[in-house]
């Protein structure tokens, strides 16, 4: 949305950020202090709180298993509110994109490089949480690499 010069509704963003602040017990100040220099360079100073929080959470997820578990448990506390807020944001984005670009058909999320996801994590996320992922108001595509040994059958598959 930022790249296209479009902005989400301020109230929707505020509600979404408020949920994350409540659930994660993070503040603007705590996030600002912990976002890495690389994250700052990627995001730019005008990036919204939620973008900076995502950078922080992703950095923590790449850290220890204990941090991963803590983050997952924290976010699972109110998953239904998270889905509802995401769908409100997706709906707002859809309306604004269609207004500016009438030829656009909808929103598409692509999960690429699925070969990098450990099988147990993929199974847990995409099978155990499949109903929640299907409730998002967008189209989702998961890509998996084609094994070089399987390319012979491509025209016939």
Foldseek 3Di string as FASTA:
>chain_A
DVVVVDDFDPVLVVVLVVLVCVLVVDDLVNLVVQQDPVQCVVQPPVRDSVSSVVSNLVVQCVDDPVSVVVVVVSCVPCVVVNLVSQQSRLVRVQVVCCVVPVVDDGDEAEAEPPVPPPPVRCCCCCPVCVVSVVSRPGHYHYDDDDDPVPPVCVVPD
